[in-house]
Amino acid sequence: MTSARTDRSTESIRPYRIDIPQSDLDDLRARLDRTRWPDDLSATGWAYGVPADYLRDLVHHWRHSYDWRAAEARLNEWPQFTTVIDGTTVHFAHVRSPEPDAVPLIVTHGWPGSIVEFLDIVGPLTDPVAHGGDPADAFHVVLPSIPGFTLSGPPADTGWEPGRVAHAWAELMRRLGYARFGAQGGDWGSAISRELGRAYPDRVVGVHLNLLMGAQATHEPTEEELAALGPGERERTRESWRRWSDWSRDGIGYAILQSTRPQTLAYALTDSPVGQLAWIVEKFQAWTDSERYPEEAVDRDRMLTNVMLYWLTGTAGSAARIYYERGHARGERVARPAEPSAAPTAVAVFPAEISIPLRRHAERTENIVRWTELDRGGHFAAMEEPDLLVADVRAFFRQLREKA
């Protein structure tokens, strides 16, 4: 893999191309061949974790059918670069639109995602005319890898929580010559995009989110609270509480571990490709709009390409640190202002998301100007329902242009 980690100049932006040594791919295949499999309660489905029969089949496909070189070539169609910001190397793709008046847009992934999530949305966003759209809806798209994640590699120091990442993104956009820009994100990308809007309201023209944590019902609503709501909002509040309660009871284990002992976890995931695969694929099953298998919602090879970026870069542990950093952060970077963010904000609510936000709660902290409730899709919106996500992003920024 081409590396720029020795570059410590403050402003340099260097071209980057993914080029994995064949020896790394041979090592992966050998490890897959030597997998030690645990016992499995076959009748429990996904209740205890990833079922062995499903994972064995997926690993067989990974070992014998999946084509990394094809995936690598697809990713390398994007112009990619690295630059050093705040002492750490930041990798990013920068895809400019053919439309000169396109809006700069920085799109941020989360965990356990990567820039692979965005393969199906960059074309429609950057070149709407080629995809049957309006040239006025064009964007110059910047896709950074969060410090610690995949191609950005492990940062040199601690403290890379969302507020610090947001400052790095503002600096990245400055280096690229974008005085004003939009932000889009889900998962940790949502937290980072929100912090961008708060810290740089004069530069961020709008923030589009496909996850909004903190706006869900966090306690079981009382009858008095429900009585004050209309019928639709009443049921939505119940569902928001059910979803949050279920996740808090059965789905939070990964986050607790990553926010307390990410280094211990790193040894297992960095040594075992099947361990890394299982750790990630479980979330694709749980968080997508699927019934039994994640492939009902996302392409199998695309999911494996996402896993490959974590495996080949050895960043399972450093990516997990963002949970620790947010949980242990102190100081101005994570202070929450009492007033809503000044940045115009849109929320696209996908029904299978891990958290169902309530608009009345969201308006306490965000400047909500668009709220869209969609009928399908889950946590990995750009992979599951790229057309719906692109349409809502376009509509939001079109709405901002019309009001300007």
Protein backbone atom coordinates (compact mmCIF):
# COMPACT_ATOMS: atom_id res chain seq x y z
CA MET A 1 0.00 0.00 0.00
CA THR A 2 1.39 3.38 -0.95
CA SER A 3 2.18 5.30 2.24
CA ALA A 4 2.66 8.98 3.04
CA ARG A 5 3.09 8.59 6.78
CA THR A 6 6.65 9.91 6.69
CA ASP A 7 5.38 13.24 5.34
CA ARG A 8 5.11 15.71 8.22
CA SER A 9 4.89 18.97 6.29
CA THR A 10 2.01 21.11 7.43
CA GLU A 11 0.28 21.81 4.10
CA SER A 12 1.41 19.11 1.68
CA ILE A 13 -1.26 17.07 -0.10
CA ARG A 14 0.13 13.96 -1.74
CA PRO A 15 -1.48 11.66 -4.29
CA TYR A 16 -2.36 8.23 -2.94
CA ARG A 17 -3.16 4.96 -4.62
CA ILE A 18 -4.21 1.72 -2.95
CA ASP A 19 -1.70 -0.98 -3.89
CA ILE A 20 -1.80 -3.96 -1.54
CA PRO A 21 1.24 -6.25 -1.77
CA GLN A 22 0.42 -9.73 -3.02
CA SER A 23 2.14 -11.12 0.06
CA ASP A 24 -0.60 -9.57 2.24
CA LEU A 25 -3.29 -11.28 0.19
CA ASP A 26 -1.42 -14.59 0.34
CA ASP A 27 -1.15 -14.25 4.11
CA LEU A 28 -4.88 -13.63 4.37
CA ARG A 29 -5.68 -16.73 2.36
CA ALA A 30 -3.36 -18.83 4.49
CA ARG A 31 -4.98 -17.55 7.69
CA LEU A 32 -8.45 -18.29 6.32
CA ASP A 33 -7.33 -21.84 5.51
CA ARG A 34 -6.11 -22.30 9.10
CA THR A 35 -9.22 -20.93 10.83
CA ARG A 36 -10.01 -22.54 14.18
CA TRP A 37 -13.78 -22.73 14.44
CA PRO A 38 -15.64 -22.64 17.77
CA ASP A 39 -18.65 -24.76 18.62
CA ASP A 40 -22.03 -23.33 17.75
CA LEU A 41 -25.63 -23.61 18.95
CA SER A 42 -27.09 -23.94 15.50
CA ALA A 43 -30.72 -23.50 16.60
CA THR A 44 -30.17 -20.05 18.16
CA GLY A 45 -29.87 -18.07 14.93
CA TRP A 46 -28.21 -14.70 15.54
CA ALA A 47 -29.21 -14.45 19.22
CA TYR A 48 -25.77 -15.49 20.51
CA GLY A 49 -23.84 -13.81 17.69
CA VAL A 50 -22.95 -14.73 14.12
CA PRO A 51 -24.11 -18.29 13.29
CA ALA A 52 -21.28 -20.65 12.33
CA ASP A 53 -22.99 -22.04 9.23
CA TYR A 54 -23.51 -18.55 7.83
CA LEU A 55 -19.96 -17.45 8.63
CA ARG A 56 -18.38 -20.61 7.19
CA ASP A 57 -20.18 -19.97 3.92
CA LEU A 58 -19.14 -16.32 3.89
CA VAL A 59 -15.51 -17.21 4.65
CA HIS A 60 -15.52 -19.79 1.85
CA HIS A 61 -16.73 -17.09 -0.54
CA TRP A 62 -14.09 -14.67 0.79
CA ARG A 63 -11.33 -17.23 0.34
CA HIS A 64 -12.30 -18.68 -3.04
CA SER A 65 -14.51 -16.21 -4.94
CA TYR A 66 -14.04 -12.67 -3.68
CA ASP A 67 -11.79 -10.52 -5.90
CA TRP A 68 -9.84 -7.89 -3.96
CA ARG A 69 -8.02 -6.63 -7.04
CA ALA A 70 -11.33 -5.76 -8.69
CA ALA A 71 -12.43 -3.90 -5.57
CA GLU A 72 -9.06 -2.15 -5.34
CA ALA A 73 -9.35 -1.00 -8.96
CA ARG A 74 -12.85 0.33 -8.31
CA LEU A 75 -11.69 2.37 -5.32
CA ASN A 76 -8.71 3.67 -7.29
CA GLU A 77 -11.07 5.21 -9.83
CA TRP A 78 -11.43 7.99 -7.27
CA PRO A 79 -8.57 10.49 -7.00
CA GLN A 80 -7.13 9.88 -3.53
CA PHE A 81 -4.69 11.80 -1.38
CA THR A 82 -3.11 12.06 2.05
CA THR A 83 -2.21 15.07 4.13
CA VAL A 84 -0.97 15.56 7.68
CA ILE A 85 -3.36 17.51 9.91
CA ASP A 86 -2.86 18.06 13.63
CA GLY A 87 0.02 15.61 13.64
CA THR A 88 -1.78 12.69 11.98
CA THR A 89 -2.11 11.43 8.42
CA VAL A 90 -5.54 11.85 6.89
CA HIS A 91 -6.50 9.89 3.80
CA PHE A 92 -9.29 11.16 1.56
CA ALA A 93 -10.84 10.84 -1.87
CA HIS A 94 -11.66 14.07 -3.66
CA VAL A 95 -14.05 13.77 -6.60
CA ARG A 96 -14.76 17.05 -8.32
CA SER A 97 -17.93 17.65 -10.29
CA PRO A 98 -17.86 18.69 -13.94
CA GLU A 99 -20.29 21.46 -12.91
CA PRO A 100 -18.24 24.56 -11.97
CA ASP A 101 -20.81 25.85 -9.47
CA ALA A 102 -21.10 22.55 -7.58
CA VAL A 103 -21.40 22.71 -3.77
CA PRO A 104 -18.42 21.27 -1.88
CA LEU A 105 -19.65 18.42 0.34
CA ILE A 106 -17.63 16.46 2.88
CA VAL A 107 -19.16 13.03 3.52
CA THR A 108 -18.05 11.08 6.60
CA HIS A 109 -18.44 7.38 7.34
CA GLY A 110 -18.70 5.76 10.77
CA TRP A 111 -17.95 2.43 12.44
CA PRO A 112 -17.78 -0.27 11.18
CA GLY A 113 -17.89 1.53 7.86
CA SER A 114 -15.42 3.21 5.52
CA ILE A 115 -15.38 5.15 2.27
CA VAL A 116 -16.53 1.88 0.63
CA GLU A 117 -20.02 2.82 1.82
CA PHE A 118 -20.15 5.64 -0.71
CA LEU A 119 -19.29 3.86 -3.96
CA ASP A 120 -22.87 4.16 -5.27
CA ILE A 121 -23.57 7.77 -4.31
CA VAL A 122 -20.50 9.64 -5.54
CA GLY A 123 -21.44 9.46 -9.22
CA PRO A 124 -24.99 10.81 -8.79
CA LEU A 125 -23.77 13.51 -6.39
CA THR A 126 -20.88 14.75 -8.52
CA ASP A 127 -22.44 14.34 -11.96
CA PRO A 128 -26.24 14.49 -11.70
CA VAL A 129 -26.68 15.06 -15.43
CA ALA A 130 -25.10 11.67 -16.19
CA HIS A 131 -27.60 10.11 -13.78
CA GLY A 132 -30.71 11.84 -15.07
CA GLY A 133 -30.58 14.77 -12.64
CA ASP A 134 -30.36 18.55 -12.58
CA PRO A 135 -26.87 20.10 -12.96
CA ALA A 136 -27.81 22.56 -10.20
CA ASP A 137 -27.76 19.62 -7.76
CA ALA A 138 -24.06 18.88 -8.28
CA PHE A 139 -21.46 18.51 -5.53
CA HIS A 140 -17.69 18.38 -5.29
CA VAL A 141 -17.38 15.39 -2.94
CA VAL A 142 -14.66 14.90 -0.31
CA LEU A 143 -14.54 11.49 1.39
CA PRO A 144 -12.08 11.39 4.29
CA SER A 145 -11.18 8.33 6.34
CA ILE A 146 -11.51 9.16 10.04
CA PRO A 147 -8.13 9.15 11.85
CA GLY A 148 -7.59 5.63 13.16
CA PHE A 149 -9.84 4.10 10.50
CA THR A 150 -8.56 2.07 7.53
CA LEU A 151 -6.53 4.16 5.09
CA SER A 152 -5.90 7.04 7.49
CA GLY A 153 -4.11 4.58 9.73
CA PRO A 154 -3.56 4.87 13.49
CA PRO A 155 -3.12 8.45 14.71
CA ALA A 156 0.09 9.37 16.48
CA ASP A 157 -1.62 10.45 19.71
CA THR A 158 -4.81 10.12 21.72
CA GLY A 159 -7.81 12.42 21.84
CA TRP A 160 -9.31 11.91 18.39
CA GLU A 161 -12.95 12.28 19.37
CA PRO A 162 -15.55 13.81 16.99
CA GLY A 163 -14.83 17.42 17.93
CA ARG A 164 -11.15 17.11 17.08
CA VAL A 165 -11.98 15.30 13.85
CA ALA A 166 -14.36 18.13 12.92
CA HIS A 167 -11.56 20.66 13.33
CA ALA A 168 -9.37 18.50 11.09
CA TRP A 169 -12.11 18.35 8.47
CA ALA A 170 -12.44 22.15 8.49
CA GLU A 171 -8.69 22.40 7.92
CA LEU A 172 -8.86 19.80 5.15
CA MET A 173 -11.55 21.75 3.35
CA ARG A 174 -9.50 24.94 3.74
CA ARG A 175 -6.50 23.25 2.14
CA LEU A 176 -8.69 22.15 -0.74
CA GLY A 177 -9.78 25.75 -1.28
CA TYR A 178 -13.35 25.41 -0.04
CA ALA A 179 -14.31 28.43 2.05
CA ARG A 180 -17.90 27.21 2.45
CA PHE A 181 -19.18 23.66 2.21
CA GLY A 182 -21.84 21.20 3.28
CA ALA A 183 -21.44 18.15 5.50
CA GLN A 184 -23.13 14.76 5.42
CA GLY A 185 -22.78 11.75 7.69
CA GLY A 186 -24.22 8.83 9.58
CA ASP A 187 -22.95 6.98 12.65
CA TRP A 188 -19.73 8.72 13.80
CA GLY A 189 -19.97 10.74 10.60
CA SER A 190 -23.15 12.21 12.03
CA ALA A 191 -21.42 13.25 15.25
CA ILE A 192 -18.50 14.74 13.31
CA SER A 193 -20.79 16.59 10.88
CA ARG A 194 -22.82 18.01 13.77
CA GLU A 195 -19.62 19.26 15.43
CA LEU A 196 -18.57 20.86 12.14
CA GLY A 197 -21.82 22.76 12.00
CA ARG A 198 -21.51 23.91 15.59
CA ALA A 199 -17.89 24.98 15.41
CA TYR A 200 -17.97 26.55 11.94
CA PRO A 201 -21.48 27.97 11.32
CA ASP A 202 -20.08 30.64 8.98
CA ARG A 203 -18.44 28.01 6.77
CA VAL A 204 -20.89 25.10 6.88
CA VAL A 205 -23.85 25.87 4.63
CA GLY A 206 -25.82 22.85 5.82
CA VAL A 207 -25.55 19.53 7.65
CA HIS A 208 -27.35 16.43 6.38
CA LEU A 209 -27.60 13.46 8.75
CA ASN A 210 -28.87 9.92 8.33
CA LEU A 211 -28.46 9.19 12.04
CA LEU A 212 -29.19 11.48 14.96
CA MET A 213 -28.24 10.02 18.32
CA GLY A 214 -29.47 11.81 21.44
CA ALA A 215 -32.89 12.66 20.04
CA GLN A 216 -34.50 9.29 20.75
CA ALA A 217 -36.82 8.51 23.67
CA THR A 218 -34.46 7.49 26.49
CA HIS A 219 -37.13 6.55 29.04
CA GLU A 220 -40.44 4.76 28.79
CA PRO A 221 -43.05 7.46 28.11
CA THR A 222 -45.74 7.88 30.73
CA GLU A 223 -49.43 7.95 29.88
CA GLU A 224 -49.47 11.66 30.69
CA GLU A 225 -46.62 12.31 28.26
CA LEU A 226 -48.31 10.28 25.53
CA ALA A 227 -51.67 11.97 26.06
CA ALA A 228 -50.12 15.33 25.15
CA LEU A 229 -49.09 14.03 21.72
CA GLY A 230 -51.00 13.48 18.51
CA PRO A 231 -51.71 9.85 17.48
CA GLY A 232 -48.82 9.62 15.01
CA GLU A 233 -46.27 11.16 17.36
CA ARG A 234 -47.57 9.00 20.19
CA GLU A 235 -46.83 5.78 18.30
CA ARG A 236 -43.52 7.13 17.07
CA THR A 237 -42.51 7.89 20.66
CA ARG A 238 -43.41 4.36 21.72
CA GLU A 239 -41.39 2.91 18.85
CA SER A 240 -38.43 5.19 19.61
CA TRP A 241 -38.42 3.93 23.19
CA ARG A 242 -38.77 0.27 22.13
CA ARG A 243 -35.86 0.58 19.70
CA TRP A 244 -33.64 2.33 22.24
CA SER A 245 -34.58 -0.11 25.00
CA ASP A 246 -33.79 -3.12 22.82
CA TRP A 247 -30.43 -1.69 21.74
CA SER A 248 -29.49 -0.72 25.30
CA ARG A 249 -30.30 -4.23 26.53
CA ASP A 250 -28.98 -6.47 23.75
CA GLY A 251 -27.00 -4.36 21.28
CA ILE A 252 -24.63 -2.18 23.25
CA GLY A 253 -21.94 -4.72 24.15
CA TYR A 254 -19.60 -3.81 21.28
CA ALA A 255 -19.72 -0.12 22.24
CA ILE A 256 -18.98 -0.80 25.90
CA LEU A 257 -15.96 -2.90 25.00
CA GLN A 258 -14.63 -0.42 22.44
CA SER A 259 -15.13 2.51 24.80
CA THR A 260 -13.30 0.82 27.67
CA ARG A 261 -10.71 -1.70 26.38
CA PRO A 262 -10.12 -1.16 22.64
CA GLN A 263 -6.51 -2.29 22.85
CA THR A 264 -7.41 -5.70 24.28
CA LEU A 265 -9.91 -6.23 21.49
CA ALA A 266 -7.32 -5.20 18.91
CA TYR A 267 -5.12 -8.25 19.48
CA ALA A 268 -7.90 -10.66 18.51
CA LEU A 269 -9.20 -8.72 15.51
CA THR A 270 -5.77 -7.90 14.11
CA ASP A 271 -4.65 -11.53 14.32
CA SER A 272 -7.76 -13.30 13.02
CA PRO A 273 -9.43 -12.29 9.75
CA VAL A 274 -12.47 -14.39 10.62
CA GLY A 275 -12.66 -12.61 13.96
CA GLN A 276 -12.51 -9.25 12.20
CA LEU A 277 -15.15 -10.39 9.72
CA ALA A 278 -17.52 -11.64 12.42
CA TRP A 279 -17.11 -8.45 14.50
CA ILE A 280 -18.20 -6.33 11.55
CA VAL A 281 -20.71 -8.56 9.78
CA GLU A 282 -22.78 -8.92 12.94
CA LYS A 283 -23.49 -5.19 12.78
CA PHE A 284 -24.38 -5.38 9.11
CA GLN A 285 -26.96 -8.01 9.99
CA ALA A 286 -28.31 -6.18 13.04
CA TRP A 287 -28.38 -2.66 11.63
CA THR A 288 -29.50 -3.12 8.02
CA ASP A 289 -33.06 -3.36 6.76
CA SER A 290 -32.81 -7.15 6.51
CA GLU A 291 -34.59 -10.11 8.05
CA ARG A 292 -32.03 -12.91 8.33
CA TYR A 293 -28.87 -12.12 6.37
CA PRO A 294 -27.16 -8.77 5.69
CA GLU A 295 -26.92 -9.64 1.99
CA GLU A 296 -30.65 -9.02 1.83
CA ALA A 297 -29.77 -5.33 2.19
CA VAL A 298 -26.17 -4.91 0.97
CA ASP A 299 -23.98 -6.53 -1.65
CA ARG A 300 -21.88 -9.40 -0.23
CA ASP A 301 -18.66 -8.41 -2.00
CA ARG A 302 -19.12 -4.75 -1.07
CA MET A 303 -19.42 -5.78 2.57
CA LEU A 304 -16.23 -7.86 2.26
CA THR A 305 -14.39 -4.92 0.68
CA ASN A 306 -15.28 -2.85 3.72
CA VAL A 307 -13.93 -5.61 5.98
CA MET A 308 -10.79 -5.87 3.84
CA LEU A 309 -9.91 -2.23 4.45
CA TYR A 310 -9.90 -2.86 8.20
CA TRP A 311 -7.98 -6.13 7.86
CA LEU A 312 -5.32 -4.95 5.40
CA THR A 313 -4.59 -1.78 7.36
CA GLY A 314 -4.66 -3.48 10.78
CA THR A 315 -6.87 -0.72 12.18
CA ALA A 316 -9.48 -2.66 14.16
CA GLY A 317 -8.07 -1.31 17.42
CA SER A 318 -7.32 2.26 16.35
CA ALA A 319 -10.80 2.59 14.80
CA ALA A 320 -12.36 1.39 18.04
CA ARG A 321 -10.57 4.13 19.99
CA ILE A 322 -13.06 6.78 18.91
CA TYR A 323 -15.51 5.16 21.35
CA TYR A 324 -12.95 5.45 24.14
CA GLU A 325 -12.04 9.03 23.21
CA ARG A 326 -15.65 10.20 23.19
CA GLY A 327 -16.36 8.44 26.49
CA HIS A 328 -13.29 9.91 28.21
CA ALA A 329 -13.13 13.33 26.52
CA ARG A 330 -12.92 16.53 28.50
CA GLY A 331 -12.77 20.19 27.61
CA GLU A 332 -14.17 22.60 25.05
CA ARG A 333 -14.18 20.21 22.11
CA VAL A 334 -17.03 18.15 23.54
CA ALA A 335 -18.93 20.90 25.34
CA ARG A 336 -22.51 21.08 24.19
CA PRO A 337 -23.97 24.55 23.75
CA ALA A 338 -27.37 25.24 25.30
CA GLU A 339 -28.73 26.70 22.07
CA PRO A 340 -29.35 24.71 18.87
CA SER A 341 -26.65 24.58 16.24
CA ALA A 342 -26.75 27.53 13.90
CA ALA A 343 -26.11 25.32 10.87
CA PRO A 344 -29.25 24.40 8.89
CA THR A 345 -29.73 20.69 9.47
CA ALA A 346 -31.60 17.93 7.67
CA VAL A 347 -32.37 14.52 9.13
CA ALA A 348 -33.23 11.53 6.94
CA VAL A 349 -34.78 8.83 9.14
CA PHE A 350 -34.37 5.31 7.77
CA PRO A 351 -36.81 2.91 9.48
CA ALA A 352 -34.36 0.10 10.34
CA GLU A 353 -31.85 2.47 11.96
CA ILE A 354 -30.62 1.56 15.45
CA SER A 355 -32.13 4.75 16.88
CA ILE A 356 -35.39 6.46 15.91
CA PRO A 357 -35.12 10.20 16.62
CA LEU A 358 -37.99 12.43 17.64
CA ARG A 359 -38.13 15.79 15.95
CA ARG A 360 -39.26 17.64 19.07
CA HIS A 361 -36.12 16.36 20.82
CA ALA A 362 -33.85 17.06 17.84
CA GLU A 363 -34.93 20.70 17.76
CA ARG A 364 -33.48 21.25 21.22
CA THR A 365 -29.94 20.98 19.88
CA GLU A 366 -30.15 21.21 16.08
CA ASN A 367 -31.42 23.84 13.65
CA ILE A 368 -33.81 21.44 11.90
CA VAL A 369 -35.02 22.73 8.53
CA ARG A 370 -35.78 19.39 6.84
CA TRP A 371 -37.08 16.13 8.31
CA THR A 372 -37.67 13.12 6.06
CA GLU A 373 -39.09 9.78 7.22
CA LEU A 374 -38.34 7.11 4.65
CA ASP A 375 -40.09 3.79 4.14
CA ARG A 376 -37.07 1.49 3.81
CA GLY A 377 -33.37 1.30 4.62
CA GLY A 378 -31.22 1.10 7.70
CA HIS A 379 -27.93 2.18 9.24
CA PHE A 380 -25.77 1.85 6.11
CA ALA A 381 -28.00 4.11 4.05
CA ALA A 382 -25.52 4.85 1.26
CA MET A 383 -25.06 1.12 0.65
CA GLU A 384 -28.66 0.01 1.23
CA GLU A 385 -30.66 2.78 -0.42
CA PRO A 386 -28.26 5.06 -2.32
CA ASP A 387 -31.01 6.55 -4.49
CA LEU A 388 -33.09 7.59 -1.47
CA LEU A 389 -30.09 9.12 0.28
CA VAL A 390 -28.93 11.01 -2.82
CA ALA A 391 -32.44 12.34 -3.44
CA ASP A 392 -32.73 13.67 0.10
CA VAL A 393 -29.27 15.26 0.06
CA ARG A 394 -30.09 16.97 -3.22
CA ALA A 395 -33.47 18.17 -1.96
CA PHE A 396 -31.97 19.59 1.23
CA PHE A 397 -29.28 21.65 -0.43
CA ARG A 398 -31.73 22.72 -3.16
CA GLN A 399 -33.99 23.96 -0.34
CA LEU A 400 -31.08 25.97 1.07
CA ARG A 401 -30.30 27.49 -2.34
CA GLU A 402 -33.91 28.55 -2.82
CA LYS A 403 -33.96 30.29 0.55
CA ALA A 404 -30.66 32.06 -0.05
